[in-house]
Protein backbone atom coordinates (compact mmCIF):
# COMPACT_ATOMS: atom_id res chain seq x y z
CA MET A 1 -32.02 14.56 5.46
CA ASN A 2 -31.24 17.62 6.02
CA LEU A 3 -27.37 16.49 5.86
CA LEU A 4 -24.46 18.59 6.07
CA ILE A 5 -21.18 17.12 4.31
CA ILE A 6 -17.99 18.20 6.56
CA ILE A 7 -14.70 18.61 4.78
CA PRO A 8 -11.50 19.70 7.10
CA ALA A 9 -8.92 20.69 4.56
CA TYR A 10 -4.79 21.55 5.62
CA ASN A 11 -3.38 21.95 2.70
CA GLU A 12 -5.47 21.04 -0.45
CA GLU A 13 -5.31 23.75 -2.19
CA ASN A 14 -4.41 20.81 -5.32
CA SER A 15 -7.08 18.37 -4.44
CA ILE A 16 -10.28 20.96 -2.62
CA THR A 17 -12.01 21.77 -5.93
CA ALA A 18 -12.35 18.13 -7.11
CA VAL A 19 -13.82 17.15 -4.05
CA VAL A 20 -16.65 19.94 -3.69
CA GLU A 21 -16.88 19.49 -8.25
CA ASP A 22 -17.42 15.63 -7.13
CA ILE A 23 -20.08 16.35 -4.11
CA LYS A 24 -21.82 18.63 -6.33
CA ARG A 25 -22.16 16.71 -9.06
CA TYR A 26 -23.32 13.45 -7.34
CA CYS A 27 -25.03 14.93 -4.45
CA PRO A 28 -26.23 18.28 -5.02
CA GLU A 29 -28.70 18.18 -2.85
CA TYR A 30 -27.13 18.13 0.02
CA ASP A 31 -25.20 21.24 1.86
CA TYR A 32 -21.40 20.83 2.44
CA LEU A 33 -18.82 23.07 4.17
CA ILE A 34 -15.21 23.29 3.97
CA ILE A 35 -13.34 23.44 7.13
CA ASN A 36 -9.52 25.40 6.18
CA ASP A 37 -7.72 24.01 9.34
CA GLY A 38 -4.76 27.10 8.80
CA SER A 39 -3.73 25.96 5.70
CA LEU A 40 -0.30 27.32 4.97
CA ASP A 41 -1.11 27.31 1.36
CA SER A 42 -3.63 28.49 -0.56
CA THR A 43 -6.64 26.40 0.16
CA ALA A 44 -9.13 29.27 1.65
CA LYS A 45 -7.93 31.73 -0.79
CA LEU A 46 -8.71 29.26 -4.07
CA CYS A 47 -11.91 28.32 -1.91
CA ARG A 48 -13.32 32.21 -1.60
CA GLU A 49 -12.19 32.85 -4.88
CA LYS A 50 -14.66 29.60 -5.97
CA GLY A 51 -17.44 31.13 -3.90
CA TYR A 52 -17.23 27.77 -1.83
CA CYS A 53 -18.99 27.17 1.53
CA LEU A 54 -15.94 28.08 4.12
CA LEU A 55 -15.14 27.80 7.62
CA ASP A 56 -11.73 29.71 7.65
CA LEU A 57 -10.24 28.71 11.13
CA PRO A 58 -7.51 31.02 12.55
CA VAL A 59 -5.36 28.53 13.84
CA ASN A 60 -4.29 24.55 12.87
CA LEU A 61 -6.41 22.44 15.31
CA GLY A 62 -6.03 18.98 13.92
CA LEU A 63 -8.30 16.94 12.56
CA THR A 64 -10.89 16.38 15.98
CA GLY A 65 -10.85 20.45 16.45
CA ALA A 66 -12.26 21.07 12.62
CA PHE A 67 -14.03 18.46 12.44
CA GLN A 68 -15.99 19.45 16.01
CA ALA A 69 -16.51 22.77 14.87
CA GLY A 70 -18.39 21.79 11.68
CA MET A 71 -20.10 19.50 14.14
CA LEU A 72 -20.70 22.53 16.38
CA TYR A 73 -21.96 24.66 13.46
CA ALA A 74 -23.99 21.76 11.89
CA TYR A 75 -25.53 20.89 15.47
CA GLU A 76 -26.30 25.20 15.43
CA HIS A 77 -27.85 25.47 11.99
CA GLY A 78 -30.14 22.50 12.60
CA TYR A 79 -28.80 19.58 10.63
CA ASP A 80 -29.86 16.44 11.17
CA ALA A 81 -26.74 14.40 10.43
CA VAL A 82 -23.38 15.59 9.47
CA MET A 83 -20.98 13.61 6.97
CA GLN A 84 -16.86 13.55 7.64
CA PHE A 85 -15.54 13.36 4.28
CA ASP A 86 -11.46 13.96 3.57
CA GLY A 87 -10.84 17.01 2.05
CA ASP A 88 -7.60 15.23 -0.12
CA GLY A 89 -10.15 13.63 -2.83
CA GLN A 90 -9.60 10.18 -1.53
CA HIS A 91 -13.57 9.70 -0.98
CA LYS A 92 -15.99 9.55 -3.92
CA ALA A 93 -19.46 10.91 -3.65
CA GLU A 94 -21.21 8.88 -5.05
CA TYR A 95 -21.39 6.71 -2.26
CA VAL A 96 -23.64 9.87 -0.26
CA ARG A 97 -26.71 8.75 -0.56
CA ALA A 98 -26.33 5.22 -0.08
CA LEU A 99 -24.90 5.99 3.56
CA VAL A 100 -27.57 8.20 3.90
CA ASN A 101 -29.75 5.57 3.16
CA LYS A 102 -28.45 3.00 5.44
CA LEU A 103 -28.84 6.04 8.83
CA LEU A 104 -32.30 6.33 7.40
CA SER A 105 -32.89 2.74 8.14
CA GLY A 106 -32.32 3.28 11.60
CA TYR A 107 -28.50 3.83 12.42
CA ASP A 108 -27.19 6.34 14.16
CA ILE A 109 -23.61 5.73 12.99
CA VAL A 110 -22.19 4.71 9.32
CA ILE A 111 -19.24 3.95 7.95
CA GLY A 112 -18.15 4.04 4.39
CA SER A 113 -15.80 0.75 4.27
CA ARG A 114 -13.94 -0.79 1.89
CA PHE A 115 -14.17 -4.22 3.37
CA VAL A 116 -17.83 -5.04 3.35
CA THR A 117 -17.92 -7.59 0.08
CA VAL A 118 -14.15 -7.11 -0.44
CA LYS A 119 -11.25 -8.90 1.63
CA LYS A 120 -9.01 -6.66 3.32
CA PRO A 121 -5.45 -7.67 1.81
CA ILE A 122 -2.71 -8.99 4.25
CA THR A 123 -0.14 -6.28 4.61
CA LEU A 124 2.15 -4.71 6.56
CA ARG A 125 -0.55 -1.61 6.44
CA MET A 126 -3.07 -3.37 6.78
CA ALA A 127 -1.99 -4.59 9.89
CA GLY A 128 -3.29 -1.81 12.36
CA SER A 129 -6.47 -2.10 10.91
CA PHE A 130 -6.84 -6.24 11.89
CA PHE A 131 -5.80 -5.53 14.96
CA ILE A 132 -8.23 -2.13 15.60
CA SER A 133 -11.07 -4.33 14.44
CA PHE A 134 -9.90 -7.45 16.80
CA ALA A 135 -10.36 -4.92 20.01
CA ILE A 136 -13.30 -3.48 18.78
CA ARG A 137 -15.12 -6.77 18.41
CA PHE A 138 -13.57 -8.10 21.30
CA THR A 139 -14.87 -5.51 23.22
CA THR A 140 -18.51 -4.51 22.14
CA ARG A 141 -19.08 -7.87 20.33
CA LEU A 142 -19.32 -5.69 16.60
CA LYS A 143 -17.25 -6.73 13.86
CA ILE A 144 -16.33 -3.37 12.52
CA CYS A 145 -14.45 -4.37 8.90
CA ASP A 146 -12.97 -0.97 8.04
CA PRO A 147 -12.46 0.48 11.72
CA THR A 148 -10.08 3.32 9.53
CA SER A 149 -12.32 5.14 7.34
CA GLY A 150 -12.81 8.66 7.47
CA MET A 151 -15.59 8.31 5.60
CA ARG A 152 -18.45 8.76 8.14
CA ILE A 153 -22.07 9.97 8.53
CA PHE A 154 -23.83 10.77 11.79
CA ASN A 155 -27.26 10.49 13.29
CA ARG A 156 -28.24 14.37 15.08
CA GLY A 157 -28.00 12.50 18.65
CA ILE A 158 -24.49 11.63 17.99
CA MET A 159 -23.95 15.25 16.88
CA GLU A 160 -24.71 16.40 20.05
CA ARG A 161 -22.17 14.42 21.85
CA PHE A 162 -19.94 15.60 20.02
CA ILE A 163 -20.04 19.32 20.71
CA SER A 164 -20.51 18.64 24.03
CA ASP A 165 -17.55 17.44 25.10
CA PRO A 166 -13.89 17.81 23.96
CA ASN A 167 -12.87 14.59 24.44
CA TYR A 168 -14.78 12.89 21.18
CA ALA A 169 -12.90 12.52 17.95
CA PRO A 170 -13.46 11.22 15.02
CA GLU A 171 -11.64 8.38 15.62
CA PRO A 172 -11.80 4.49 15.97
CA ASP A 173 -11.69 4.74 20.09
CA THR A 174 -14.87 7.14 20.34
CA ILE A 175 -17.32 4.95 17.64
CA SER A 176 -16.09 1.40 19.93
CA PHE A 177 -16.93 3.75 23.18
CA LEU A 178 -20.05 4.83 21.54
CA ILE A 179 -20.98 1.69 20.31
CA ARG A 180 -20.56 0.21 24.14
CA CYS A 181 -23.03 3.17 25.43
CA GLY A 182 -25.71 1.77 22.85
CA ALA A 183 -25.16 3.44 19.34
CA ARG A 184 -26.15 1.50 16.54
CA VAL A 185 -23.05 1.43 13.78
CA SER A 186 -22.99 0.03 10.16
CA GLU A 187 -21.24 0.00 7.38
CA VAL A 188 -21.75 0.06 3.58
CA GLN A 189 -18.95 -0.79 1.12
CA VAL A 190 -17.34 2.05 -0.92
CA GLU A 191 -14.22 2.67 -3.20
CA VAL A 192 -11.67 4.72 -2.16
CA SER A 193 -9.18 6.72 -4.43
CA GLU A 194 -5.45 6.88 -3.96
CA ARG A 195 -3.82 10.79 -2.82
CA LYS A 196 -2.67 12.55 -5.96
CA THR A 197 -1.95 15.10 -4.55
CA GLY A 198 -0.06 16.62 -1.06
CA LYS A 199 1.24 14.23 1.01
CA SER A 200 0.07 11.91 4.00
CA TYR A 201 0.54 13.19 7.62
CA PHE A 202 1.12 9.53 8.43
CA THR A 203 4.64 8.35 8.10
CA PHE A 204 5.55 4.71 8.92
CA PHE A 205 6.09 5.45 12.67
CA LYS A 206 3.17 7.74 13.16
CA SER A 207 1.11 5.71 12.07
CA VAL A 208 2.26 2.22 14.57
CA SER A 209 2.17 5.63 17.16
CA TYR A 210 -1.35 6.20 16.21
CA MET A 211 -2.17 2.68 15.84
CA ALA A 212 -0.75 1.52 19.38
CA GLN A 213 -2.45 4.47 21.19
CA VAL A 214 -6.12 3.49 19.15
CA ILE A 215 -6.10 0.22 20.59
CA LEU A 216 -4.62 1.05 23.63
CA SER A 217 -7.38 3.94 24.36
CA ILE A 218 -10.15 0.79 23.07
CA PHE A 219 -8.66 -1.99 25.56
CA LEU A 220 -8.37 0.83 28.77
CA ILE A 221 -9.04 4.17 28.20
CA GLN A 222 -12.48 4.86 26.83
CA TRP A 223 -13.79 1.93 30.29
CA PHE A 224 -12.92 5.06 32.14
CA ARG A 225 -15.17 7.47 29.94
CA ARG A 226 -19.62 7.80 31.02
CA ASN A 227 -22.11 5.72 29.45
CA ASP A 228 -25.41 7.29 29.34
CA LEU A 229 -26.87 6.37 25.94
CA LYS A 230 -30.02 4.35 26.38
CA GLY A 231 -30.31 0.86 25.41
CA ASN A 232 -27.47 -1.43 23.61
CA LYS A 233 -27.91 -1.78 20.12
CA HIS A 234 -25.80 -2.68 17.48
CA ASP A 235 -25.83 -4.52 14.35
């Protein structure tokens, strides 16, 4: 498979080297592209000095804009699939091939999930994930164990949808919508690392707001979008 690993990066100068070297070590057969999303630190400079594959955005577009830029690059360069991969060092490249193999078995989207074979902890932090999983299952009848995972792989058909509509975002509500459109979605058990450097965008209050918006979108807003994928198969 001709795969491009898309790495959105905003102020990740302390982690981006480890991320790229991990990919080179575990899956050198696949290409990668760092999307420097208007970083204020030395992320772009470091990538240039090390000769990393880089798309340098002049302003900060946020995760959705950065990922869509990577999707457009992948589509125009003829890639069969793209993988969303965090630039903060939490995702592990050793699981990339497992997601690729699952995609090749007939799926449109495969999610690297922390909770396929591992029980989701009952904590305040995971409360939002529980509610999003419930919303997706209620509206699609498909159980997604780790809907907020940022490690996902998409085939070319899904790629086309992302570049044709700016409303497509790498978020759980879009995944839910695509399931209702007939996309085949599955999960693969992975492990993730704790963030060692930098600072997460999500404070407690931002996390609560994000979860509420996603759940509202799944239950209401996504039903007003055009459904034009043929069939309705999922596993």
